[in-house]
Amino acid sequence: QVQLVESGGGLVQSGGSLRLSCAASGIIFSLNDMGWYRQVPGKQRELVAAVTIGGITNYADSVKGRFTISRDNAKNTVHLQMNSLKPEDTAVYYCNSHYMHDGRDYWGQGTQVTVSS
């Protein structure tokens, strides 16, 4: 059974920091691209950051220079360090795994991030 379990969300003031973590089980973590997405009510889920199995990272323009994604294959964990948070970063953040060989995607249950102004 595949599980992606996010943690680390919460309420923070504008300019603050949070670190999200996603612990994966039931997948061969090292063979999956990993990503963080976010969604606000009424809008589509959007990519925030991703890291490939080779360690190549990709960021949404809105978070470049503020967020950092990293993966720890030994612990089957992916992190998202979020600095200089803004109210517009408020959303539910979801962890995603993507197995490139068959295109299979899995999602976590989401963690709420709220940035107050």
C-alpha atoms as a PDB file:
ATOM      1  CA  GLN A   1       0.000   0.000   0.000  1.00  0.00           C
ATOM      2  CA  VAL A   2       1.389   3.361  -1.083  1.00  0.00           C
ATOM      3  CA  GLN A   3       1.373   6.149   1.461  1.00  0.00           C
ATOM      4  CA  LEU A   4       2.637   9.697   1.185  1.00  0.00           C
ATOM      5  CA  VAL A   5       2.310  11.432   4.529  1.00  0.00           C
ATOM      6  CA  GLU A   6       2.879  15.175   4.730  1.00  0.00           C
ATOM      7  CA  SER A   7       3.737  17.095   7.856  1.00  0.00           C
ATOM      8  CA  GLY A   8       4.964  20.512   8.864  1.00  0.00           C
ATOM      9  CA  GLY A   9       2.129  22.744   7.773  1.00  0.00           C
ATOM     10  CA  GLY A  10       0.650  25.415   9.990  1.00  0.00           C
ATOM     11  CA  LEU A  11       0.079  29.094  10.563  1.00  0.00           C
ATOM     12  CA  VAL A  12       2.936  31.528  10.140  1.00  0.00           C
ATOM     13  CA  GLN A  13       3.281  35.280   9.787  1.00  0.00           C
ATOM     14  CA  SER A  14       4.316  36.895   6.562  1.00  0.00           C
ATOM     15  CA  GLY A  15       8.094  36.689   6.172  1.00  0.00           C
ATOM     16  CA  GLY A  16       8.313  33.548   8.256  1.00  0.00           C
ATOM     17  CA  SER A  17       9.436  30.045   7.396  1.00  0.00           C
ATOM     18  CA  LEU A  18       8.048  26.537   7.397  1.00  0.00           C
ATOM     19  CA  ARG A  19       9.502  23.192   6.467  1.00  0.00           C
ATOM     20  CA  LEU A  20       7.230  20.591   4.954  1.00  0.00           C
ATOM     21  CA  SER A  21       8.130  16.923   4.967  1.00  0.00           C
ATOM     22  CA  CYS A  22       6.690  13.989   3.072  1.00  0.00           C
ATOM     23  CA  ALA A  23       7.408  10.443   4.161  1.00  0.00           C
ATOM     24  CA  ALA A  24       6.821   7.832   1.471  1.00  0.00           C
ATOM     25  CA  SER A  25       6.189   4.122   1.805  1.00  0.00           C
ATOM     26  CA  GLY A  26       5.092   1.406  -0.592  1.00  0.00           C
ATOM     27  CA  ILE A  27       7.058   2.827  -3.518  1.00  0.00           C
ATOM     28  CA  ILE A  28      10.624   2.497  -4.689  1.00  0.00           C
ATOM     29  CA  PHE A  29      11.395   6.025  -3.603  1.00  0.00           C
ATOM     30  CA  SER A  30      14.690   6.363  -5.461  1.00  0.00           C
ATOM     31  CA  LEU A  31      12.936   5.608  -8.773  1.00  0.00           C
ATOM     32  CA  ASN A  32      10.252   8.257  -8.349  1.00  0.00           C
ATOM     33  CA  ASP A  33      10.349  11.907  -9.224  1.00  0.00           C
ATOM     34  CA  MET A  34       8.940  13.804  -6.251  1.00  0.00           C
ATOM     35  CA  GLY A  35       7.062  17.056  -6.133  1.00  0.00           C
ATOM     36  CA  TRP A  36       5.095  19.512  -4.041  1.00  0.00           C
ATOM     37  CA  TYR A  37       1.897  21.004  -5.356  1.00  0.00           C
ATOM     38  CA  ARG A  38      -0.537  23.444  -3.809  1.00  0.00           C
ATOM     39  CA  GLN A  39      -4.184  24.252  -4.231  1.00  0.00           C
ATOM     40  CA  VAL A  40      -6.520  26.974  -3.062  1.00  0.00           C
ATOM     41  CA  PRO A  41     -10.306  26.697  -3.228  1.00  0.00           C
ATOM     42  CA  GLY A  42     -11.657  27.360  -6.689  1.00  0.00           C
ATOM     43  CA  LYS A  43      -8.291  27.040  -8.413  1.00  0.00           C
ATOM     44  CA  GLN A  44      -6.400  24.233 -10.060  1.00  0.00           C
ATOM     45  CA  ARG A  45      -3.661  22.430  -8.240  1.00  0.00           C
ATOM     46  CA  GLU A  46      -0.313  23.906  -9.267  1.00  0.00           C
ATOM     47  CA  LEU A  47       3.241  22.681  -9.182  1.00  0.00           C
ATOM     48  CA  VAL A  48       5.383  24.399  -6.551  1.00  0.00           C
ATOM     49  CA  ALA A  49       8.617  22.442  -6.781  1.00  0.00           C
ATOM     50  CA  ALA A  50       9.879  19.107  -8.026  1.00  0.00           C
ATOM     51  CA  VAL A  51      13.017  17.012  -7.818  1.00  0.00           C
ATOM     52  CA  THR A  52      13.869  14.232 -10.218  1.00  0.00           C
ATOM     53  CA  ILE A  53      15.454  10.904  -9.385  1.00  0.00           C
ATOM     54  CA  GLY A  54      18.722  12.469 -10.533  1.00  0.00           C
ATOM     55  CA  GLY A  55      18.366  15.411  -8.194  1.00  0.00           C
ATOM     56  CA  ILE A  56      17.396  18.017 -10.778  1.00  0.00           C
ATOM     57  CA  THR A  57      15.047  20.595  -9.285  1.00  0.00           C
ATOM     58  CA  ASN A  58      12.340  22.737 -10.809  1.00  0.00           C
ATOM     59  CA  TYR A  59      10.397  25.592  -9.209  1.00  0.00           C
ATOM     60  CA  ALA A  60       7.384  27.694  -9.973  1.00  0.00           C
ATOM     61  CA  ASP A  61       8.433  31.246 -10.779  1.00  0.00           C
ATOM     62  CA  SER A  62       6.463  32.525  -7.797  1.00  0.00           C
ATOM     63  CA  VAL A  63       8.621  30.612  -5.305  1.00  0.00           C
ATOM     64  CA  LYS A  64      12.067  30.742  -6.903  1.00  0.00           C
ATOM     65  CA  GLY A  65      14.657  32.010  -4.463  1.00  0.00           C
ATOM     66  CA  ARG A  66      12.366  31.424  -1.489  1.00  0.00           C
ATOM     67  CA  PHE A  67      11.602  27.695  -1.501  1.00  0.00           C
ATOM     68  CA  THR A  68      13.996  24.756  -1.649  1.00  0.00           C
ATOM     69  CA  ILE A  69      13.059  21.172  -2.357  1.00  0.00           C
ATOM     70  CA  SER A  70      15.301  18.326  -1.284  1.00  0.00           C
ATOM     71  CA  ARG A  71      15.082  14.564  -1.119  1.00  0.00           C
ATOM     72  CA  ASP A  72      16.649  11.978   1.142  1.00  0.00           C
ATOM     73  CA  ASN A  73      16.582   8.603  -0.581  1.00  0.00           C
ATOM     74  CA  ALA A  74      17.926   6.848   2.497  1.00  0.00           C
ATOM     75  CA  LYS A  75      14.891   7.993   4.504  1.00  0.00           C
ATOM     76  CA  ASN A  76      12.319   7.968   1.685  1.00  0.00           C
ATOM     77  CA  THR A  77      11.563  11.574   2.453  1.00  0.00           C
ATOM     78  CA  VAL A  78      11.189  14.785   0.497  1.00  0.00           C
ATOM     79  CA  HIS A  79      11.250  18.220   2.103  1.00  0.00           C
ATOM     80  CA  LEU A  80      10.155  21.677   1.104  1.00  0.00           C
ATOM     81  CA  GLN A  81      11.874  24.517   2.926  1.00  0.00           C
ATOM     82  CA  MET A  82       9.759  27.632   2.585  1.00  0.00           C
ATOM     83  CA  ASN A  83      11.281  30.973   3.503  1.00  0.00           C
ATOM     84  CA  SER A  84      10.042  34.547   3.179  1.00  0.00           C
ATOM     85  CA  LEU A  85       6.492  33.306   3.111  1.00  0.00           C
ATOM     86  CA  LYS A  86       3.783  35.544   1.701  1.00  0.00           C
ATOM     87  CA  PRO A  87       0.011  35.522   2.228  1.00  0.00           C
ATOM     88  CA  GLU A  88      -0.381  34.327  -1.368  1.00  0.00           C
ATOM     89  CA  ASP A  89       1.469  31.143  -0.419  1.00  0.00           C
ATOM     90  CA  THR A  90      -1.552  30.147   1.653  1.00  0.00           C
ATOM     91  CA  ALA A  91      -2.858  26.846   0.303  1.00  0.00           C
ATOM     92  CA  VAL A  92      -3.109  23.140   0.917  1.00  0.00           C
ATOM     93  CA  TYR A  93       0.217  21.603  -0.039  1.00  0.00           C
ATOM     94  CA  TYR A  94       0.320  18.113  -1.494  1.00  0.00           C
ATOM     95  CA  CYS A  95       3.187  15.703  -1.914  1.00  0.00           C
ATOM     96  CA  ASN A  96       3.353  13.825  -5.205  1.00  0.00           C
ATOM     97  CA  SER A  97       5.343  10.885  -6.481  1.00  0.00           C
ATOM     98  CA  HIS A  98       5.703  10.117 -10.173  1.00  0.00           C
ATOM     99  CA  TYR A  99       7.073   6.812 -11.479  1.00  0.00           C
ATOM    100  CA  MET A 100       8.402   7.698 -14.874  1.00  0.00           C
ATOM    101  CA  HIS A 101       8.412   4.150 -16.238  1.00  0.00           C
ATOM    102  CA  ASP A 102       4.636   3.746 -16.157  1.00  0.00           C
ATOM    103  CA  GLY A 103       3.463   7.257 -15.395  1.00  0.00           C
ATOM    104  CA  ARG A 104       1.881   6.271 -12.118  1.00  0.00           C
ATOM    105  CA  ASP A 105       1.203   9.125  -9.713  1.00  0.00           C
ATOM    106  CA  TYR A 106       0.416   9.052  -6.014  1.00  0.00           C
ATOM    107  CA  TRP A 107      -0.690  11.880  -3.737  1.00  0.00           C
ATOM    108  CA  GLY A 108      -0.582  12.630  -0.065  1.00  0.00           C
ATOM    109  CA  GLN A 109      -3.574  13.862   1.875  1.00  0.00           C
ATOM    110  CA  GLY A 110      -2.341  17.444   1.971  1.00  0.00           C
ATOM    111  CA  THR A 111      -1.209  19.819   4.689  1.00  0.00           C
ATOM    112  CA  GLN A 112      -2.559  23.319   5.232  1.00  0.00           C
ATOM    113  CA  VAL A 113      -0.191  26.271   5.112  1.00  0.00           C
ATOM    114  CA  THR A 114      -1.623  29.624   6.178  1.00  0.00           C
ATOM    115  CA  VAL A 115       0.413  32.818   5.994  1.00  0.00           C
ATOM    116  CA  SER A 116      -1.043  35.800   7.809  1.00  0.00           C
ATOM    117  CA  SER A 117      -0.314  39.357   6.754  1.00  0.00           C
END
